């Protein structure tokens, strides 16, 4: 599978869905779909406290190159479409370019990713949409993303999360 550069979607208002993360299972779904779209043959999911304190998805997909890792977390950016006519021939699960930005806005996020043509991968830390640190690391091809403490910056949203057994049930339904 060939990697396509991540670009700003210029006609984003025609495809925007107002992506909202309201529970851990939404995050799990989006990250698994990203792994599948990246051509992963292996996807591992780890959760703690029903995804409230940790959601980790590790895959062996094509990865994200160092030069695209930051833009991947901006709204309305995607490697899957370039213009509105691409929607007619879309074969991917995700395409709107909102999921990663929405997840990063409500969590402390850490991602390690590498593509085949790069000797090293990139390790990026984001808290509430703000880049905290970016550095090169040695890692396998693919992506390892950790989403920690969802809604840490939105206490009112934390209160609406259900019991761990309920939230875990939603995650299990997806996986």
C-alpha atoms as a PDB file:
ATOM      1  CA  UNK A   1       0.000   0.000   0.000  1.00  0.00           C
ATOM      2  CA  UNK A   2       1.403   3.377  -1.026  1.00  0.00           C
ATOM      3  CA  UNK A   3       1.245   6.285   1.401  1.00  0.00           C
ATOM      4  CA  UNK A   4      -0.661   9.388   0.247  1.00  0.00           C
ATOM      5  CA  UNK A   5       0.322  12.767   1.702  1.00  0.00           C
ATOM      6  CA  UNK A   6      -2.078  14.380   4.156  1.00  0.00           C
ATOM      7  CA  UNK A   7      -3.583  17.594   2.796  1.00  0.00           C
ATOM      8  CA  UNK A   8      -6.064  20.237   3.860  1.00  0.00           C
ATOM      9  CA  UNK A   9      -9.476  19.517   2.360  1.00  0.00           C
ATOM     10  CA  UNK A  10     -10.405  22.787   0.690  1.00  0.00           C
ATOM     11  CA  UNK A  11     -14.106  21.997   0.346  1.00  0.00           C
ATOM     12  CA  UNK A  12     -14.367  20.676   3.894  1.00  0.00           C
ATOM     13  CA  UNK A  13     -17.715  22.340   4.549  1.00  0.00           C
ATOM     14  CA  UNK A  14     -19.314  19.910   2.085  1.00  0.00           C
ATOM     15  CA  UNK A  15     -18.050  16.805   3.875  1.00  0.00           C
ATOM     16  CA  UNK A  16     -17.705  17.898   7.504  1.00  0.00           C
ATOM     17  CA  UNK A  17     -19.712  15.791   9.899  1.00  0.00           C
ATOM     18  CA  UNK A  18     -19.074  17.741  13.075  1.00  0.00           C
ATOM     19  CA  UNK A  19     -17.136  14.799  14.489  1.00  0.00           C
ATOM     20  CA  UNK A  20     -17.829  14.610  18.206  1.00  0.00           C
ATOM     21  CA  UNK A  21     -16.163  12.279  20.674  1.00  0.00           C
ATOM     22  CA  UNK A  22     -18.691  11.575  23.391  1.00  0.00           C
ATOM     23  CA  UNK A  23     -17.496   8.221  24.741  1.00  0.00           C
ATOM     24  CA  UNK A  24     -14.454   5.921  24.642  1.00  0.00           C
ATOM     25  CA  UNK A  25     -16.042   3.573  22.096  1.00  0.00           C
ATOM     26  CA  UNK A  26     -16.126   6.414  19.515  1.00  0.00           C
ATOM     27  CA  UNK A  27     -12.363   6.724  19.862  1.00  0.00           C
ATOM     28  CA  UNK A  28     -11.796   2.973  19.562  1.00  0.00           C
ATOM     29  CA  UNK A  29     -13.951   2.852  16.411  1.00  0.00           C
ATOM     30  CA  UNK A  30     -12.137   5.740  14.720  1.00  0.00           C
ATOM     31  CA  UNK A  31      -8.667   4.410  15.547  1.00  0.00           C
ATOM     32  CA  UNK A  32      -9.472   0.878  14.370  1.00  0.00           C
ATOM     33  CA  UNK A  33     -10.897   2.286  11.128  1.00  0.00           C
ATOM     34  CA  UNK A  34      -7.690   4.301  10.633  1.00  0.00           C
ATOM     35  CA  UNK A  35      -5.673   1.102  11.107  1.00  0.00           C
ATOM     36  CA  UNK A  36      -7.783  -0.762   8.554  1.00  0.00           C
ATOM     37  CA  UNK A  37      -7.527   2.136   6.089  1.00  0.00           C
ATOM     38  CA  UNK A  38      -3.728   2.033   6.581  1.00  0.00           C
ATOM     39  CA  UNK A  39      -3.691  -1.563   5.357  1.00  0.00           C
ATOM     40  CA  UNK A  40      -2.911  -3.125   8.735  1.00  0.00           C
ATOM     41  CA  UNK A  41      -3.057  -6.912   8.898  1.00  0.00           C
ATOM     42  CA  UNK A  42      -2.715  -6.808  12.681  1.00  0.00           C
ATOM     43  CA  UNK A  43      -4.460  -4.414  15.073  1.00  0.00           C
ATOM     44  CA  UNK A  44      -4.189  -4.615  18.870  1.00  0.00           C
ATOM     45  CA  UNK A  45      -6.455  -2.675  21.215  1.00  0.00           C
ATOM     46  CA  UNK A  46      -5.710  -2.062  24.905  1.00  0.00           C
ATOM     47  CA  UNK A  47      -8.071  -0.219  27.260  1.00  0.00           C
ATOM     48  CA  UNK A  48      -7.894   0.721  30.937  1.00  0.00           C
ATOM     49  CA  UNK A  49     -10.863   1.788  33.034  1.00  0.00           C
ATOM     50  CA  UNK A  50     -13.168   1.090  30.072  1.00  0.00           C
ATOM     51  CA  UNK A  51     -11.150   3.493  27.936  1.00  0.00           C
ATOM     52  CA  UNK A  52     -11.492   6.393  30.346  1.00  0.00           C
ATOM     53  CA  UNK A  53      -7.807   6.445  31.325  1.00  0.00           C
ATOM     54  CA  UNK A  54      -6.235   4.669  28.323  1.00  0.00           C
ATOM     55  CA  UNK A  55      -7.087   3.563  24.820  1.00  0.00           C
ATOM     56  CA  UNK A  56      -4.139   2.189  22.884  1.00  0.00           C
ATOM     57  CA  UNK A  57      -4.290   0.954  19.296  1.00  0.00           C
ATOM     58  CA  UNK A  58      -1.205  -0.609  17.731  1.00  0.00           C
ATOM     59  CA  UNK A  59      -1.072  -1.598  14.072  1.00  0.00           C
ATOM     60  CA  UNK A  60       1.318  -2.698  11.355  1.00  0.00           C
ATOM     61  CA  UNK A  61      -0.197  -0.445   8.696  1.00  0.00           C
ATOM     62  CA  UNK A  62       1.715   1.925   6.429  1.00  0.00           C
ATOM     63  CA  UNK A  63       2.233   4.506   9.184  1.00  0.00           C
ATOM     64  CA  UNK A  64       2.404   8.295   9.010  1.00  0.00           C
ATOM     65  CA  UNK A  65       5.579  10.048   7.838  1.00  0.00           C
ATOM     66  CA  UNK A  66       7.392  12.503  10.063  1.00  0.00           C
ATOM     67  CA  UNK A  67       6.539  15.406   7.750  1.00  0.00           C
ATOM     68  CA  UNK A  68       2.777  14.712   7.993  1.00  0.00           C
ATOM     69  CA  UNK A  69       2.363  13.783  11.652  1.00  0.00           C
ATOM     70  CA  UNK A  70       1.402  17.264  12.896  1.00  0.00           C
ATOM     71  CA  UNK A  71      -1.042  18.079  10.089  1.00  0.00           C
ATOM     72  CA  UNK A  72      -2.728  14.700  10.678  1.00  0.00           C
ATOM     73  CA  UNK A  73      -4.104  16.166  13.925  1.00  0.00           C
ATOM     74  CA  UNK A  74      -5.505  19.336  12.363  1.00  0.00           C
ATOM     75  CA  UNK A  75      -9.175  19.558  11.426  1.00  0.00           C
ATOM     76  CA  UNK A  76     -10.234  18.941   7.849  1.00  0.00           C
ATOM     77  CA  UNK A  77      -7.028  17.207   6.775  1.00  0.00           C
ATOM     78  CA  UNK A  78      -6.985  13.826   5.058  1.00  0.00           C
ATOM     79  CA  UNK A  79      -4.847  11.591   2.876  1.00  0.00           C
ATOM     80  CA  UNK A  80      -7.962  10.008   1.395  1.00  0.00           C
ATOM     81  CA  UNK A  81      -9.582  12.752  -0.667  1.00  0.00           C
ATOM     82  CA  UNK A  82      -8.367  15.798  -2.548  1.00  0.00           C
ATOM     83  CA  UNK A  83     -11.640  17.229  -3.828  1.00  0.00           C
ATOM     84  CA  UNK A  84     -15.374  16.627  -3.577  1.00  0.00           C
ATOM     85  CA  UNK A  85     -15.467  14.350  -6.654  1.00  0.00           C
ATOM     86  CA  UNK A  86     -13.243  11.844  -4.817  1.00  0.00           C
ATOM     87  CA  UNK A  87     -16.233  11.034  -2.596  1.00  0.00           C
ATOM     88  CA  UNK A  88     -17.829   9.085  -5.462  1.00  0.00           C
ATOM     89  CA  UNK A  89     -14.955   6.589  -5.663  1.00  0.00           C
ATOM     90  CA  UNK A  90     -14.044   6.341  -1.992  1.00  0.00           C
ATOM     91  CA  UNK A  91     -13.205   2.878  -0.632  1.00  0.00           C
ATOM     92  CA  UNK A  92     -11.988   3.839   2.852  1.00  0.00           C
ATOM     93  CA  UNK A  93     -13.827   3.844   6.168  1.00  0.00           C
ATOM     94  CA  UNK A  94     -12.712   7.326   7.210  1.00  0.00           C
ATOM     95  CA  UNK A  95     -12.177  10.394   5.061  1.00  0.00           C
ATOM     96  CA  UNK A  96     -13.473  13.583   6.682  1.00  0.00           C
ATOM     97  CA  UNK A  97     -10.236  14.492   8.406  1.00  0.00           C
ATOM     98  CA  UNK A  98     -11.845  15.277  11.740  1.00  0.00           C
ATOM     99  CA  UNK A  99     -11.444  12.195  13.940  1.00  0.00           C
ATOM    100  CA  UNK A 100      -7.818  12.613  15.054  1.00  0.00           C
ATOM    101  CA  UNK A 101      -8.290  16.331  15.695  1.00  0.00           C
ATOM    102  CA  UNK A 102     -11.436  15.656  17.731  1.00  0.00           C
ATOM    103  CA  UNK A 103      -9.721  12.949  19.778  1.00  0.00           C
ATOM    104  CA  UNK A 104      -6.660  15.142  20.426  1.00  0.00           C
ATOM    105  CA  UNK A 105      -8.885  18.007  21.598  1.00  0.00           C
ATOM    106  CA  UNK A 106     -10.320  16.010  24.508  1.00  0.00           C
ATOM    107  CA  UNK A 107      -7.339  13.924  25.632  1.00  0.00           C
ATOM    108  CA  UNK A 108      -3.650  13.596  26.287  1.00  0.00           C
ATOM    109  CA  UNK A 109      -2.436  11.796  23.211  1.00  0.00           C
ATOM    110  CA  UNK A 110       0.800  10.098  22.285  1.00  0.00           C
ATOM    111  CA  UNK A 111       1.543   8.627  18.860  1.00  0.00           C
ATOM    112  CA  UNK A 112       4.543   6.776  17.481  1.00  0.00           C
ATOM    113  CA  UNK A 113       4.523   6.097  13.753  1.00  0.00           C
ATOM    114  CA  UNK A 114       6.900   5.148  10.965  1.00  0.00           C
ATOM    115  CA  UNK A 115       6.642   4.498   7.253  1.00  0.00           C
ATOM    116  CA  UNK A 116       8.750   1.994   5.337  1.00  0.00           C
ATOM    117  CA  UNK A 117      10.941   4.580   3.592  1.00  0.00           C
ATOM    118  CA  UNK A 118      12.043   6.311   6.806  1.00  0.00           C
ATOM    119  CA  UNK A 119      14.850   4.980   8.980  1.00  0.00           C
ATOM    120  CA  UNK A 120      13.279   6.375  12.159  1.00  0.00           C
ATOM    121  CA  UNK A 121       9.758   7.044  13.243  1.00  0.00           C
ATOM    122  CA  UNK A 122       8.243  10.030  14.976  1.00  0.00           C
ATOM    123  CA  UNK A 123       6.949  10.300  18.552  1.00  0.00           C
ATOM    124  CA  UNK A 124       4.423  13.095  19.069  1.00  0.00           C
ATOM    125  CA  UNK A 125       2.792  14.230  22.325  1.00  0.00           C
ATOM    126  CA  UNK A 126      -0.402  16.323  22.257  1.00  0.00           C
ATOM    127  CA  UNK A 127      -2.474  17.643  25.176  1.00  0.00           C
ATOM    128  CA  UNK A 128      -5.836  19.215  24.412  1.00  0.00           C
ATOM    129  CA  UNK A 129      -4.857  19.854  20.751  1.00  0.00           C
ATOM    130  CA  UNK A 130      -1.560  21.498  21.735  1.00  0.00           C
ATOM    131  CA  UNK A 131       1.712  19.949  20.572  1.00  0.00           C
ATOM    132  CA  UNK A 132       3.832  19.276  23.656  1.00  0.00           C
ATOM    133  CA  UNK A 133       6.788  17.448  22.109  1.00  0.00           C
ATOM    134  CA  UNK A 134       7.908  15.861  18.849  1.00  0.00           C
ATOM    135  CA  UNK A 135      11.003  13.729  18.386  1.00  0.00           C
ATOM    136  CA  UNK A 136      12.471  10.985  16.223  1.00  0.00           C
ATOM    137  CA  UNK A 137      12.490   7.444  17.625  1.00  0.00           C
ATOM    138  CA  UNK A 138      13.449   3.965  16.577  1.00  0.00           C
ATOM    139  CA  UNK A 139      10.264   1.955  16.017  1.00  0.00           C
ATOM    140  CA  UNK A 140       8.700  -0.619  13.694  1.00  0.00           C
ATOM    141  CA  UNK A 141       6.653   0.328  10.632  1.00  0.00           C
ATOM    142  CA  UNK A 142       3.077   1.149  11.608  1.00  0.00           C
ATOM    143  CA  UNK A 143       1.374   3.220  14.269  1.00  0.00           C
ATOM    144  CA  UNK A 144       1.042   3.014  18.048  1.00  0.00           C
ATOM    145  CA  UNK A 145      -1.390   5.573  19.436  1.00  0.00           C
ATOM    146  CA  UNK A 146      -2.264   6.099  23.106  1.00  0.00           C
ATOM    147  CA  UNK A 147      -5.236   8.214  24.099  1.00  0.00           C
ATOM    148  CA  UNK A 148      -5.105   9.013  27.808  1.00  0.00           C
ATOM    149  CA  UNK A 149      -7.524  10.624  30.243  1.00  0.00           C
ATOM    150  CA  UNK A 150     -10.353  11.493  27.887  1.00  0.00           C
ATOM    151  CA  UNK A 151     -12.195  14.666  28.840  1.00  0.00           C
ATOM    152  CA  UNK A 152      -9.447  15.601  31.346  1.00  0.00           C
ATOM    153  CA  UNK A 153     -10.007  19.178  30.176  1.00  0.00           C
ATOM    154  CA  UNK A 154     -13.823  18.936  30.139  1.00  0.00           C
ATOM    155  CA  UNK A 155     -14.995  17.830  33.605  1.00  0.00           C
ATOM    156  CA  UNK A 156     -18.650  18.297  32.666  1.00  0.00           C
ATOM    157  CA  UNK A 157     -18.229  15.752  29.837  1.00  0.00           C
ATOM    158  CA  UNK A 158     -16.508  13.296  32.208  1.00  0.00           C
ATOM    159  CA  UNK A 159     -19.618  13.293  34.376  1.00  0.00           C
ATOM    160  CA  UNK A 160     -21.714  12.001  31.473  1.00  0.00           C
ATOM    161  CA  UNK A 161     -19.595   8.877  31.024  1.00  0.00           C
ATOM    162  CA  UNK A 162     -21.397   5.744  32.176  1.00  0.00           C
ATOM    163  CA  UNK A 163     -20.192   3.019  34.536  1.00  0.00           C
ATOM    164  CA  UNK A 164     -17.097   1.131  33.388  1.00  0.00           C
ATOM    165  CA  UNK A 165     -19.151  -1.964  32.560  1.00  0.00           C
ATOM    166  CA  UNK A 166     -21.440   0.055  30.269  1.00  0.00           C
ATOM    167  CA  UNK A 167     -18.600   1.868  28.486  1.00  0.00           C
ATOM    168  CA  UNK A 168     -16.661  -1.396  28.107  1.00  0.00           C
ATOM    169  CA  UNK A 169     -19.768  -2.996  26.608  1.00  0.00           C
ATOM    170  CA  UNK A 170     -19.852  -0.299  23.917  1.00  0.00           C
ATOM    171  CA  UNK A 171     -16.171  -0.953  23.143  1.00  0.00           C
ATOM    172  CA  UNK A 172     -16.724  -4.712  23.002  1.00  0.00           C
ATOM    173  CA  UNK A 173     -19.578  -4.211  20.519  1.00  0.00           C
ATOM    174  CA  UNK A 174     -17.168  -2.415  18.173  1.00  0.00           C
ATOM    175  CA  UNK A 175     -14.213  -4.752  18.520  1.00  0.00           C
END
